[in-house]
N, C-alpha and C. Protein backbone atom coordinates (compact mmCIF):
# COMPACT_ATOMS: atom_id res chain seq x y z
N MET A 1 110.29 158.58 -178.31
CA MET A 1 110.42 157.26 -178.93
C MET A 1 110.05 156.19 -177.94
N THR A 2 110.31 156.42 -176.72
CA THR A 2 110.01 155.44 -175.67
C THR A 2 108.53 155.37 -175.45
N LYS A 3 107.86 156.53 -175.42
CA LYS A 3 106.42 156.54 -175.23
C LYS A 3 105.72 155.82 -176.35
N LYS A 4 106.16 155.96 -177.59
CA LYS A 4 105.53 155.33 -178.75
C LYS A 4 105.65 153.83 -178.69
N SER A 5 106.78 153.36 -178.29
CA SER A 5 106.98 151.90 -178.22
C SER A 5 106.11 151.29 -177.13
N LYS A 6 105.94 152.03 -176.02
CA LYS A 6 105.08 151.52 -174.98
C LYS A 6 103.64 151.41 -175.45
N LYS A 7 103.19 152.44 -176.23
CA LYS A 7 101.84 152.38 -176.75
C LYS A 7 101.66 151.23 -177.72
N GLN A 8 102.64 150.98 -178.56
CA GLN A 8 102.56 149.86 -179.51
C GLN A 8 102.48 148.52 -178.78
N ASP A 9 103.26 148.37 -177.73
CA ASP A 9 103.23 147.11 -176.96
C ASP A 9 101.86 146.90 -176.34
N ALA A 10 101.26 147.95 -175.82
CA ALA A 10 99.95 147.83 -175.21
C ALA A 10 98.91 147.46 -176.24
N THR A 11 99.01 148.03 -177.43
CA THR A 11 98.05 147.73 -178.50
C THR A 11 98.18 146.28 -178.94
N GLU A 12 99.38 145.80 -179.07
CA GLU A 12 99.60 144.40 -179.49
C GLU A 12 99.06 143.44 -178.46
N LEU A 13 99.20 143.76 -177.16
CA LEU A 13 98.68 142.89 -176.10
C LEU A 13 97.15 142.80 -176.17
N GLU A 14 96.49 144.00 -176.40
CA GLU A 14 95.04 144.00 -176.50
C GLU A 14 94.56 143.20 -177.70
N THR A 15 95.29 143.28 -178.80
CA THR A 15 94.90 142.55 -180.03
C THR A 15 95.05 141.05 -179.82
N ALA A 16 96.13 140.65 -179.14
CA ALA A 16 96.35 139.22 -178.88
C ALA A 16 95.29 138.66 -177.95
N ALA A 17 94.84 139.51 -176.97
CA ALA A 17 93.82 139.03 -176.04
C ALA A 17 92.48 138.86 -176.73
N GLN A 18 92.20 139.79 -177.67
CA GLN A 18 90.92 139.73 -178.36
C GLN A 18 90.89 138.64 -179.43
N ALA A 19 92.03 138.20 -179.99
CA ALA A 19 92.06 137.21 -181.08
C ALA A 19 91.66 135.84 -180.53
N PRO A 20 90.79 135.13 -181.20
CA PRO A 20 90.36 133.78 -180.73
C PRO A 20 91.50 132.78 -180.85
N GLU A 21 91.55 131.88 -179.85
CA GLU A 21 92.59 130.85 -179.87
C GLU A 21 92.27 129.83 -180.95
N GLU A 22 93.28 129.42 -181.69
CA GLU A 22 93.12 128.39 -182.74
C GLU A 22 92.99 127.01 -182.09
N PRO A 23 92.08 126.16 -182.54
CA PRO A 23 91.90 124.81 -181.94
C PRO A 23 93.09 123.93 -182.25
N THR A 24 93.38 123.04 -181.29
CA THR A 24 94.50 122.10 -181.48
C THR A 24 94.05 120.99 -182.43
N ALA A 25 95.03 120.14 -182.83
CA ALA A 25 94.73 119.05 -183.78
C ALA A 25 93.78 118.04 -183.17
N ALA A 26 93.96 117.71 -181.85
CA ALA A 26 93.10 116.73 -181.18
C ALA A 26 91.67 117.23 -181.10
N GLU A 27 91.55 118.53 -180.78
CA GLU A 27 90.21 119.09 -180.70
C GLU A 27 89.53 119.10 -182.05
N ALA A 28 90.32 119.36 -183.10
CA ALA A 28 89.75 119.36 -184.45
C ALA A 28 89.25 117.97 -184.83
N GLU A 29 90.01 116.95 -184.49
CA GLU A 29 89.59 115.57 -184.81
C GLU A 29 88.33 115.20 -184.04
N ALA A 30 88.28 115.63 -182.76
CA ALA A 30 87.10 115.33 -181.94
C ALA A 30 85.86 115.96 -182.51
N GLU A 31 86.01 117.18 -183.07
CA GLU A 31 84.86 117.85 -183.65
C GLU A 31 84.41 117.17 -184.93
N GLU A 32 85.38 116.55 -185.67
CA GLU A 32 85.03 115.92 -186.94
C GLU A 32 84.29 114.60 -186.73
N VAL A 33 84.51 113.88 -185.58
CA VAL A 33 83.86 112.58 -185.33
C VAL A 33 82.36 112.79 -185.13
N GLU A 34 81.57 112.05 -185.87
CA GLU A 34 80.12 112.18 -185.76
C GLU A 34 79.63 111.40 -184.55
N PRO A 35 78.67 111.82 -183.86
CA PRO A 35 78.13 111.09 -182.70
C PRO A 35 77.49 109.78 -183.16
N GLU A 36 77.60 108.67 -182.29
CA GLU A 36 77.05 107.36 -182.62
C GLU A 36 75.52 107.43 -182.67
N ALA A 37 74.99 106.57 -183.58
CA ALA A 37 73.53 106.55 -183.72
C ALA A 37 72.92 105.92 -182.47
N GLU A 38 71.92 106.47 -181.95
CA GLU A 38 71.27 105.98 -180.74
C GLU A 38 70.44 104.74 -181.06
N VAL A 39 70.52 103.64 -180.17
CA VAL A 39 69.75 102.41 -180.35
C VAL A 39 68.36 102.62 -179.77
N ASP A 40 67.37 102.12 -180.53
CA ASP A 40 65.98 102.25 -180.07
C ASP A 40 65.78 101.37 -178.84
N PRO A 41 65.37 101.89 -177.71
CA PRO A 41 65.19 101.07 -176.50
C PRO A 41 64.19 99.93 -176.69
N LEU A 42 63.14 100.15 -177.47
CA LEU A 42 62.15 99.10 -177.71
C LEU A 42 62.75 97.94 -178.49
N THR A 43 63.56 98.26 -179.50
CA THR A 43 64.20 97.21 -180.30
C THR A 43 65.18 96.41 -179.44
N ALA A 44 65.96 97.12 -178.59
CA ALA A 44 66.90 96.43 -177.72
C ALA A 44 66.17 95.50 -176.76
N LEU A 45 65.05 95.95 -176.24
CA LEU A 45 64.28 95.12 -175.32
C LEU A 45 63.72 93.89 -176.02
N GLN A 46 63.23 94.08 -177.25
CA GLN A 46 62.70 92.94 -178.02
C GLN A 46 63.79 91.91 -178.30
N ASN A 47 64.98 92.39 -178.65
CA ASN A 47 66.09 91.47 -178.91
C ASN A 47 66.45 90.68 -177.65
N GLU A 48 66.44 91.37 -176.53
CA GLU A 48 66.76 90.70 -175.27
C GLU A 48 65.70 89.65 -174.92
N VAL A 49 64.44 89.98 -175.16
CA VAL A 49 63.36 89.02 -174.89
C VAL A 49 63.49 87.80 -175.78
N GLU A 50 63.78 88.00 -177.07
CA GLU A 50 63.94 86.87 -178.00
C GLU A 50 65.10 85.98 -177.57
N ALA A 51 66.21 86.58 -177.14
CA ALA A 51 67.35 85.78 -176.68
C ALA A 51 67.00 84.96 -175.45
N MET A 52 66.23 85.58 -174.54
CA MET A 52 65.82 84.85 -173.33
C MET A 52 64.86 83.72 -173.67
N ARG A 53 63.96 83.94 -174.64
CA ARG A 53 63.05 82.88 -175.05
C ARG A 53 63.81 81.70 -175.67
N ALA A 54 64.80 82.01 -176.50
CA ALA A 54 65.60 80.94 -177.11
C ALA A 54 66.33 80.13 -176.05
N GLU A 55 66.90 80.82 -175.08
CA GLU A 55 67.61 80.12 -174.00
C GLU A 55 66.65 79.28 -173.17
N ALA A 56 65.46 79.82 -172.90
CA ALA A 56 64.46 79.06 -172.14
C ALA A 56 64.03 77.81 -172.90
N GLY A 57 63.90 77.92 -174.23
CA GLY A 57 63.54 76.75 -175.04
C GLY A 57 64.61 75.68 -174.98
N ARG A 58 65.87 76.09 -175.06
CA ARG A 58 66.96 75.11 -174.96
C ARG A 58 66.97 74.44 -173.59
N ASN A 59 66.78 75.22 -172.56
CA ASN A 59 66.76 74.65 -171.20
C ASN A 59 65.59 73.69 -171.02
N TRP A 60 64.43 74.04 -171.59
CA TRP A 60 63.28 73.15 -171.47
C TRP A 60 63.51 71.83 -172.20
N ASP A 61 64.15 71.90 -173.36
CA ASP A 61 64.46 70.68 -174.12
C ASP A 61 65.43 69.80 -173.33
N LEU A 62 66.45 70.41 -172.74
CA LEU A 62 67.39 69.64 -171.92
C LEU A 62 66.70 69.01 -170.72
N TYR A 63 65.77 69.75 -170.13
CA TYR A 63 65.03 69.22 -168.98
C TYR A 63 64.21 67.99 -169.36
N LEU A 64 63.52 68.07 -170.51
CA LEU A 64 62.71 66.94 -170.95
C LEU A 64 63.58 65.71 -171.24
N ARG A 65 64.73 65.93 -171.85
CA ARG A 65 65.62 64.80 -172.15
C ARG A 65 66.15 64.16 -170.87
N GLU A 66 66.57 65.00 -169.93
CA GLU A 66 67.09 64.46 -168.66
C GLU A 66 66.00 63.71 -167.91
N ARG A 67 64.78 64.23 -167.95
CA ARG A 67 63.69 63.56 -167.25
C ARG A 67 63.38 62.21 -167.90
N ALA A 68 63.42 62.15 -169.24
CA ALA A 68 63.18 60.89 -169.93
C ALA A 68 64.27 59.87 -169.60
N ASP A 69 65.53 60.32 -169.59
CA ASP A 69 66.62 59.42 -169.23
C ASP A 69 66.47 58.91 -167.80
N LEU A 70 66.08 59.79 -166.91
CA LEU A 70 65.89 59.39 -165.51
C LEU A 70 64.75 58.37 -165.38
N GLU A 71 63.70 58.55 -166.14
CA GLU A 71 62.57 57.62 -166.10
C GLU A 71 62.99 56.26 -166.64
N ASN A 72 63.79 56.26 -167.71
CA ASN A 72 64.26 54.99 -168.27
C ASN A 72 65.15 54.26 -167.27
N VAL A 73 66.01 54.99 -166.59
CA VAL A 73 66.88 54.36 -165.59
C VAL A 73 66.04 53.79 -164.45
N ARG A 74 65.01 54.52 -164.03
CA ARG A 74 64.15 54.04 -162.95
C ARG A 74 63.44 52.76 -163.34
N LYS A 75 62.91 52.72 -164.57
CA LYS A 75 62.21 51.52 -165.03
C LYS A 75 63.17 50.35 -165.15
N ARG A 76 64.38 50.61 -165.65
CA ARG A 76 65.35 49.53 -165.79
C ARG A 76 65.75 48.98 -164.43
N ASN A 77 65.95 49.85 -163.47
CA ASN A 77 66.30 49.40 -162.11
C ASN A 77 65.16 48.60 -161.49
N GLN A 78 63.92 49.05 -161.72
CA GLN A 78 62.77 48.33 -161.19
C GLN A 78 62.67 46.94 -161.81
N ARG A 79 62.91 46.87 -163.12
CA ARG A 79 62.85 45.58 -163.81
C ARG A 79 63.96 44.64 -163.31
N ASP A 80 65.16 45.18 -163.14
CA ASP A 80 66.26 44.37 -162.62
C ASP A 80 65.96 43.87 -161.21
N LYS A 81 65.35 44.73 -160.42
CA LYS A 81 65.01 44.33 -159.05
C LYS A 81 63.99 43.21 -159.04
N GLU A 82 62.96 43.33 -159.90
CA GLU A 82 61.94 42.29 -159.98
C GLU A 82 62.54 40.97 -160.47
N ASP A 83 63.43 41.03 -161.46
CA ASP A 83 64.07 39.81 -161.95
C ASP A 83 64.93 39.17 -160.86
N ALA A 84 65.62 40.02 -160.11
CA ALA A 84 66.47 39.49 -159.03
C ALA A 84 65.63 38.76 -157.99
N ILE A 85 64.43 39.30 -157.71
CA ILE A 85 63.56 38.65 -156.73
C ILE A 85 62.98 37.36 -157.31
N ARG A 86 62.59 37.39 -158.57
CA ARG A 86 61.96 36.22 -159.18
C ARG A 86 62.94 35.06 -159.32
N PHE A 87 64.20 35.38 -159.63
CA PHE A 87 65.17 34.32 -159.90
C PHE A 87 66.21 34.20 -158.79
N ALA A 88 65.88 34.67 -157.59
CA ALA A 88 66.83 34.61 -156.48
C ALA A 88 67.12 33.18 -156.06
N ASN A 89 66.14 32.27 -156.23
CA ASN A 89 66.30 30.89 -155.79
C ASN A 89 66.74 29.97 -156.92
N ASP A 90 67.28 30.52 -157.97
CA ASP A 90 67.67 29.73 -159.13
C ASP A 90 68.62 28.59 -158.76
N ARG A 91 69.66 28.90 -158.02
CA ARG A 91 70.67 27.89 -157.67
C ARG A 91 70.09 26.82 -156.74
N LEU A 92 69.30 27.24 -155.75
CA LEU A 92 68.69 26.29 -154.83
C LEU A 92 67.76 25.33 -155.55
N LEU A 93 66.94 25.85 -156.44
CA LEU A 93 65.98 25.01 -157.15
C LEU A 93 66.68 24.04 -158.09
N LYS A 94 67.80 24.46 -158.68
CA LYS A 94 68.56 23.54 -159.53
C LYS A 94 69.06 22.34 -158.73
N GLU A 95 69.39 22.57 -157.48
CA GLU A 95 69.85 21.48 -156.62
C GLU A 95 68.69 20.60 -156.14
N MET A 96 67.49 21.15 -156.07
CA MET A 96 66.35 20.39 -155.58
C MET A 96 65.74 19.50 -156.65
N VAL A 97 65.81 19.91 -157.90
CA VAL A 97 65.18 19.15 -158.97
C VAL A 97 65.73 17.72 -159.08
N PRO A 98 67.05 17.48 -158.98
CA PRO A 98 67.54 16.09 -159.03
C PRO A 98 66.98 15.22 -157.91
N VAL A 99 66.69 15.80 -156.75
CA VAL A 99 66.09 15.02 -155.66
C VAL A 99 64.72 14.51 -156.09
N LEU A 100 63.96 15.35 -156.75
CA LEU A 100 62.66 14.92 -157.27
C LEU A 100 62.84 13.83 -158.31
N ASP A 101 63.86 13.94 -159.15
CA ASP A 101 64.14 12.89 -160.14
C ASP A 101 64.35 11.55 -159.46
N ASN A 102 65.15 11.54 -158.42
CA ASN A 102 65.45 10.28 -157.73
C ASN A 102 64.21 9.68 -157.08
N LEU A 103 63.37 10.51 -156.51
CA LEU A 103 62.14 10.01 -155.92
C LEU A 103 61.24 9.39 -156.99
N GLU A 104 61.13 10.04 -158.11
CA GLU A 104 60.29 9.51 -159.19
C GLU A 104 60.85 8.20 -159.73
N ARG A 105 62.17 8.11 -159.84
CA ARG A 105 62.78 6.86 -160.29
C ARG A 105 62.53 5.74 -159.28
N ALA A 106 62.60 6.07 -157.99
CA ALA A 106 62.35 5.05 -156.96
C ALA A 106 60.93 4.52 -157.06
N ILE A 107 59.97 5.41 -157.28
CA ILE A 107 58.57 4.98 -157.42
C ILE A 107 58.41 4.12 -158.67
N GLU A 108 59.01 4.53 -159.75
CA GLU A 108 58.90 3.78 -160.99
C GLU A 108 59.52 2.39 -160.84
N HIS A 109 60.68 2.30 -160.19
CA HIS A 109 61.34 1.02 -159.99
C HIS A 109 60.54 0.13 -159.06
N ALA A 110 60.01 0.71 -158.00
CA ALA A 110 59.23 -0.08 -157.06
C ALA A 110 57.94 -0.58 -157.68
N GLY A 111 57.36 0.16 -158.58
CA GLY A 111 56.13 -0.26 -159.23
C GLY A 111 56.32 -1.45 -160.15
N GLN A 112 57.56 -1.63 -160.64
CA GLN A 112 57.84 -2.75 -161.52
C GLN A 112 58.06 -4.05 -160.75
N GLU A 113 58.29 -3.98 -159.46
CA GLU A 113 58.53 -5.17 -158.64
C GLU A 113 57.26 -5.54 -157.88
N GLU A 114 57.10 -6.82 -157.68
CA GLU A 114 55.95 -7.31 -156.93
C GLU A 114 56.30 -7.35 -155.45
N THR A 115 55.94 -6.32 -154.77
CA THR A 115 56.22 -6.22 -153.34
C THR A 115 54.96 -5.81 -152.60
N ASP A 116 55.00 -5.94 -151.31
CA ASP A 116 53.86 -5.58 -150.47
C ASP A 116 54.09 -4.24 -149.77
N ASN A 117 54.91 -3.38 -150.41
CA ASN A 117 55.23 -2.09 -149.79
C ASN A 117 54.29 -1.00 -150.32
N GLN A 118 53.01 -1.34 -150.38
CA GLN A 118 52.06 -0.36 -150.93
C GLN A 118 51.99 0.90 -150.08
N SER A 119 52.03 0.73 -148.77
CA SER A 119 51.96 1.91 -147.91
C SER A 119 53.19 2.80 -148.07
N LEU A 120 54.35 2.14 -148.28
CA LEU A 120 55.58 2.92 -148.50
C LEU A 120 55.50 3.71 -149.80
N LEU A 121 54.97 3.06 -150.84
CA LEU A 121 54.83 3.75 -152.13
C LEU A 121 53.87 4.92 -152.02
N GLU A 122 52.81 4.74 -151.30
CA GLU A 122 51.85 5.84 -151.13
C GLU A 122 52.50 7.01 -150.40
N GLY A 123 53.30 6.69 -149.41
CA GLY A 123 53.98 7.77 -148.67
C GLY A 123 54.97 8.53 -149.53
N VAL A 124 55.71 7.77 -150.35
CA VAL A 124 56.68 8.43 -151.24
C VAL A 124 55.94 9.27 -152.29
N ASN A 125 54.81 8.73 -152.78
CA ASN A 125 54.03 9.50 -153.76
C ASN A 125 53.52 10.81 -153.16
N MET A 126 53.10 10.75 -151.92
CA MET A 126 52.67 11.98 -151.25
C MET A 126 53.82 12.96 -151.12
N THR A 127 55.02 12.44 -150.81
CA THR A 127 56.20 13.31 -150.72
C THR A 127 56.51 13.96 -152.06
N ILE A 128 56.40 13.17 -153.13
CA ILE A 128 56.66 13.71 -154.47
C ILE A 128 55.66 14.80 -154.81
N ASN A 129 54.40 14.57 -154.50
CA ASN A 129 53.37 15.58 -154.81
C ASN A 129 53.63 16.87 -154.03
N GLN A 130 54.03 16.73 -152.77
CA GLN A 130 54.35 17.92 -151.98
C GLN A 130 55.57 18.64 -152.55
N PHE A 131 56.52 17.84 -153.00
CA PHE A 131 57.73 18.42 -153.59
C PHE A 131 57.37 19.22 -154.85
N ARG A 132 56.56 18.62 -155.69
CA ARG A 132 56.15 19.31 -156.91
C ARG A 132 55.38 20.59 -156.60
N LYS A 133 54.51 20.49 -155.60
CA LYS A 133 53.72 21.68 -155.22
C LYS A 133 54.64 22.79 -154.71
N ALA A 134 55.66 22.43 -153.94
CA ALA A 134 56.59 23.44 -153.43
C ALA A 134 57.36 24.09 -154.58
N LEU A 135 57.77 23.30 -155.56
CA LEU A 135 58.48 23.85 -156.71
C LEU A 135 57.57 24.78 -157.51
N GLU A 136 56.33 24.38 -157.69
CA GLU A 136 55.38 25.23 -158.43
C GLU A 136 55.17 26.56 -157.72
N ASP A 137 55.14 26.52 -156.38
CA ASP A 137 54.96 27.77 -155.63
C ASP A 137 56.12 28.73 -155.86
N PHE A 138 57.29 28.19 -156.17
CA PHE A 138 58.45 29.03 -156.45
C PHE A 138 58.58 29.35 -157.94
N GLY A 139 57.59 28.95 -158.74
CA GLY A 139 57.60 29.29 -160.16
C GLY A 139 58.23 28.26 -161.05
N VAL A 140 58.49 27.03 -160.54
CA VAL A 140 59.11 25.98 -161.34
C VAL A 140 58.03 25.17 -162.04
N LYS A 141 58.15 25.03 -163.36
CA LYS A 141 57.20 24.25 -164.14
C LYS A 141 57.97 23.24 -164.99
N SER A 142 57.41 22.03 -165.09
CA SER A 142 58.06 20.99 -165.89
C SER A 142 57.77 21.23 -167.37
N ILE A 143 58.68 20.76 -168.22
CA ILE A 143 58.55 20.89 -169.67
C ILE A 143 57.99 19.60 -170.22
N ASN A 144 56.90 19.69 -170.97
CA ASN A 144 56.31 18.52 -171.62
C ASN A 144 57.00 18.32 -172.96
N ALA A 145 57.92 17.37 -172.99
CA ALA A 145 58.75 17.21 -174.19
C ALA A 145 58.24 16.13 -175.12
N ILE A 146 57.70 15.02 -174.60
CA ILE A 146 57.28 13.89 -175.43
C ILE A 146 56.21 14.33 -176.43
N GLY A 147 56.48 14.06 -177.71
CA GLY A 147 55.52 14.40 -178.77
C GLY A 147 55.64 15.82 -179.27
N ALA A 148 56.44 16.64 -178.59
CA ALA A 148 56.60 18.03 -179.03
C ALA A 148 57.72 18.13 -180.06
N GLU A 149 57.69 19.19 -180.83
CA GLU A 149 58.76 19.43 -181.79
C GLU A 149 60.03 19.83 -181.05
N PHE A 150 61.15 19.32 -181.52
CA PHE A 150 62.42 19.60 -180.84
C PHE A 150 62.70 21.09 -180.86
N ASP A 151 62.99 21.62 -179.67
CA ASP A 151 63.29 23.04 -179.50
C ASP A 151 64.64 23.15 -178.79
N PRO A 152 65.68 23.63 -179.48
CA PRO A 152 67.00 23.71 -178.83
C PRO A 152 67.03 24.64 -177.63
N ASN A 153 66.02 25.51 -177.51
CA ASN A 153 65.96 26.39 -176.34
C ASN A 153 65.44 25.67 -175.10
N LEU A 154 64.78 24.52 -175.30
CA LEU A 154 64.20 23.77 -174.19
C LEU A 154 64.75 22.36 -174.06
N HIS A 155 65.20 21.79 -175.18
CA HIS A 155 65.61 20.38 -175.20
C HIS A 155 67.10 20.26 -175.53
N GLN A 156 67.67 19.21 -175.00
CA GLN A 156 69.05 18.86 -175.33
C GLN A 156 69.02 17.46 -175.95
N ALA A 157 69.33 17.37 -177.25
CA ALA A 157 69.23 16.10 -177.96
C ALA A 157 70.40 15.20 -177.61
N MET A 158 70.08 13.97 -177.22
CA MET A 158 71.10 12.97 -176.94
C MET A 158 71.39 12.12 -178.17
N GLY A 159 70.52 12.17 -179.14
CA GLY A 159 70.70 11.40 -180.37
C GLY A 159 69.43 11.39 -181.19
N HIS A 160 69.48 10.65 -182.32
CA HIS A 160 68.33 10.52 -183.21
C HIS A 160 67.92 9.06 -183.31
N VAL A 161 66.66 8.85 -183.53
CA VAL A 161 66.14 7.50 -183.70
C VAL A 161 65.18 7.51 -184.89
N GLU A 162 65.31 6.48 -185.74
CA GLU A 162 64.43 6.39 -186.90
C GLU A 162 63.02 6.02 -186.45
N SER A 163 62.07 6.70 -187.02
CA SER A 163 60.69 6.44 -186.66
C SER A 163 59.78 6.76 -187.84
N ALA A 164 58.97 5.77 -188.19
CA ALA A 164 57.99 5.98 -189.25
C ALA A 164 56.68 6.49 -188.69
N GLU A 165 56.49 6.36 -187.39
CA GLU A 165 55.25 6.78 -186.75
C GLU A 165 55.27 8.25 -186.34
N GLN A 166 56.45 8.76 -186.00
CA GLN A 166 56.60 10.16 -185.57
C GLN A 166 57.17 11.00 -186.69
N ALA A 167 56.75 12.21 -186.75
CA ALA A 167 57.29 13.13 -187.76
C ALA A 167 58.74 13.45 -187.43
N PRO A 168 59.55 13.69 -188.45
CA PRO A 168 60.96 14.04 -188.18
C PRO A 168 61.06 15.28 -187.28
N ASN A 169 62.09 15.27 -186.46
CA ASN A 169 62.37 16.38 -185.54
C ASN A 169 61.37 16.43 -184.38
N THR A 170 60.75 15.29 -184.08
CA THR A 170 59.82 15.19 -182.95
C THR A 170 60.49 14.44 -181.81
N VAL A 171 60.25 14.89 -180.58
CA VAL A 171 60.82 14.23 -179.41
C VAL A 171 60.06 12.93 -179.16
N VAL A 172 60.79 11.81 -179.13
CA VAL A 172 60.15 10.51 -178.95
C VAL A 172 60.50 9.89 -177.60
N THR A 173 61.63 10.25 -177.03
CA THR A 173 62.04 9.68 -175.75
C THR A 173 62.60 10.78 -174.86
N GLU A 174 62.30 10.71 -173.58
CA GLU A 174 62.81 11.69 -172.61
C GLU A 174 63.60 10.95 -171.53
N PHE A 175 64.89 11.25 -171.45
CA PHE A 175 65.73 10.63 -170.43
C PHE A 175 65.69 11.40 -169.11
N GLN A 176 65.54 12.70 -169.20
CA GLN A 176 65.51 13.53 -168.00
C GLN A 176 64.56 14.70 -168.23
N LYS A 177 63.67 14.91 -167.30
CA LYS A 177 62.67 15.97 -167.45
C LYS A 177 63.33 17.35 -167.30
N GLY A 178 62.87 18.26 -168.12
CA GLY A 178 63.36 19.64 -168.04
C GLY A 178 62.40 20.53 -167.27
N TYR A 179 62.93 21.67 -166.80
CA TYR A 179 62.11 22.57 -165.98
C TYR A 179 62.37 24.02 -166.37
N LEU A 180 61.31 24.83 -166.20
CA LEU A 180 61.38 26.28 -166.39
C LEU A 180 61.20 26.96 -165.04
N LEU A 181 61.97 28.01 -164.81
CA LEU A 181 61.76 28.88 -163.65
C LEU A 181 61.14 30.16 -164.18
N HIS A 182 59.81 30.30 -163.97
CA HIS A 182 59.03 31.37 -164.61
C HIS A 182 59.18 31.21 -166.13
N ASP A 183 59.79 32.14 -166.81
CA ASP A 183 59.98 32.02 -168.25
C ASP A 183 61.43 31.70 -168.62
N ARG A 184 62.27 31.43 -167.64
CA ARG A 184 63.68 31.16 -167.89
C ARG A 184 63.95 29.66 -167.74
N LEU A 185 64.81 29.14 -168.62
CA LEU A 185 65.14 27.72 -168.57
C LEU A 185 65.96 27.42 -167.32
N LEU A 186 65.44 26.50 -166.51
CA LEU A 186 66.16 26.05 -165.32
C LEU A 186 67.04 24.85 -165.64
N ARG A 187 66.49 23.90 -166.41
CA ARG A 187 67.24 22.74 -166.84
C ARG A 187 66.62 22.20 -168.11
N PRO A 188 67.40 21.91 -169.16
CA PRO A 188 66.81 21.39 -170.40
C PRO A 188 66.42 19.92 -170.27
N SER A 189 65.50 19.52 -171.11
CA SER A 189 65.10 18.11 -171.17
C SER A 189 66.12 17.34 -172.01
N LEU A 190 66.53 16.17 -171.52
CA LEU A 190 67.43 15.30 -172.28
C LEU A 190 66.56 14.34 -173.09
N VAL A 191 66.64 14.43 -174.41
CA VAL A 191 65.67 13.73 -175.26
C VAL A 191 66.35 13.03 -176.43
N MET A 192 65.57 12.12 -177.04
CA MET A 192 65.91 11.52 -178.32
C MET A 192 64.93 12.07 -179.34
N VAL A 193 65.45 12.36 -180.54
CA VAL A 193 64.65 13.03 -181.57
C VAL A 193 64.45 12.08 -182.75
N ALA A 194 63.22 12.08 -183.28
CA ALA A 194 62.89 11.20 -184.41
C ALA A 194 63.48 11.74 -185.70
N LYS A 195 63.81 10.81 -186.57
CA LYS A 195 64.23 11.17 -187.92
C LYS A 195 63.60 10.18 -188.90
N ALA A 196 63.54 10.55 -190.16
CA ALA A 196 62.89 9.71 -191.16
C ALA A 196 63.71 8.45 -191.36
N PRO A 197 63.05 7.29 -191.57
CA PRO A 197 63.81 6.05 -191.81
C PRO A 197 64.60 6.14 -193.10
N GLU A 198 65.77 5.53 -193.07
CA GLU A 198 66.58 5.51 -194.29
C GLU A 198 66.05 4.47 -195.24
N ALA A 199 66.13 4.76 -196.55
CA ALA A 199 65.64 3.83 -197.55
C ALA A 199 66.52 2.59 -197.59
N ASP A 200 65.89 1.42 -197.84
CA ASP A 200 66.64 0.17 -197.91
C ASP A 200 67.56 0.20 -199.12
N THR A 201 68.82 -0.10 -198.91
CA THR A 201 69.80 -0.02 -200.01
C THR A 201 69.53 -1.08 -201.05
N ASP A 202 68.97 -2.27 -200.65
CA ASP A 202 68.68 -3.31 -201.64
C ASP A 202 67.61 -2.86 -202.60
N GLU A 203 66.62 -2.13 -202.07
CA GLU A 203 65.58 -1.64 -202.96
C GLU A 203 66.12 -0.59 -203.91
């Protein structure tokens, strides 16, 4: 009986060794998962190239905008610099113009009197001409107001005067000459402006 049981045990061991092992649950699931579809290398490369082209286009657009902004800033700075140079003497010239006014008034007053100061008048006239020339060299030009249409950008009206000879809104009298510094108003002309005569109430 002992020999038989030993033979049975040996047979069972050989059968167990020969029987295939059953797969575990994890292994079974792994076998059921299908492998991922492979991406075509050419398609992937084309997609990458298209993405790089789009990014390059955006960068180029940003570059052009930044360059345009930089150019505008440069032009604006250049224009501001030129204006600063052109109008740097604005305050000084405003102070010089009244001196010319006084000289012209002195000549006008002296011309109305009968005096023998002809040489003095000639000297003052020469000074006035030099003064005017110096102002012109700095870009100062006088405004011709008499007979011109009233312009609030150039003239400052002191009042109105009835005139049948002048058209309404025409400058008929100038109390103080106005000046321009290049294209900018340095001092307005003080003027009287014509208006149409009022109708007689008796008529």
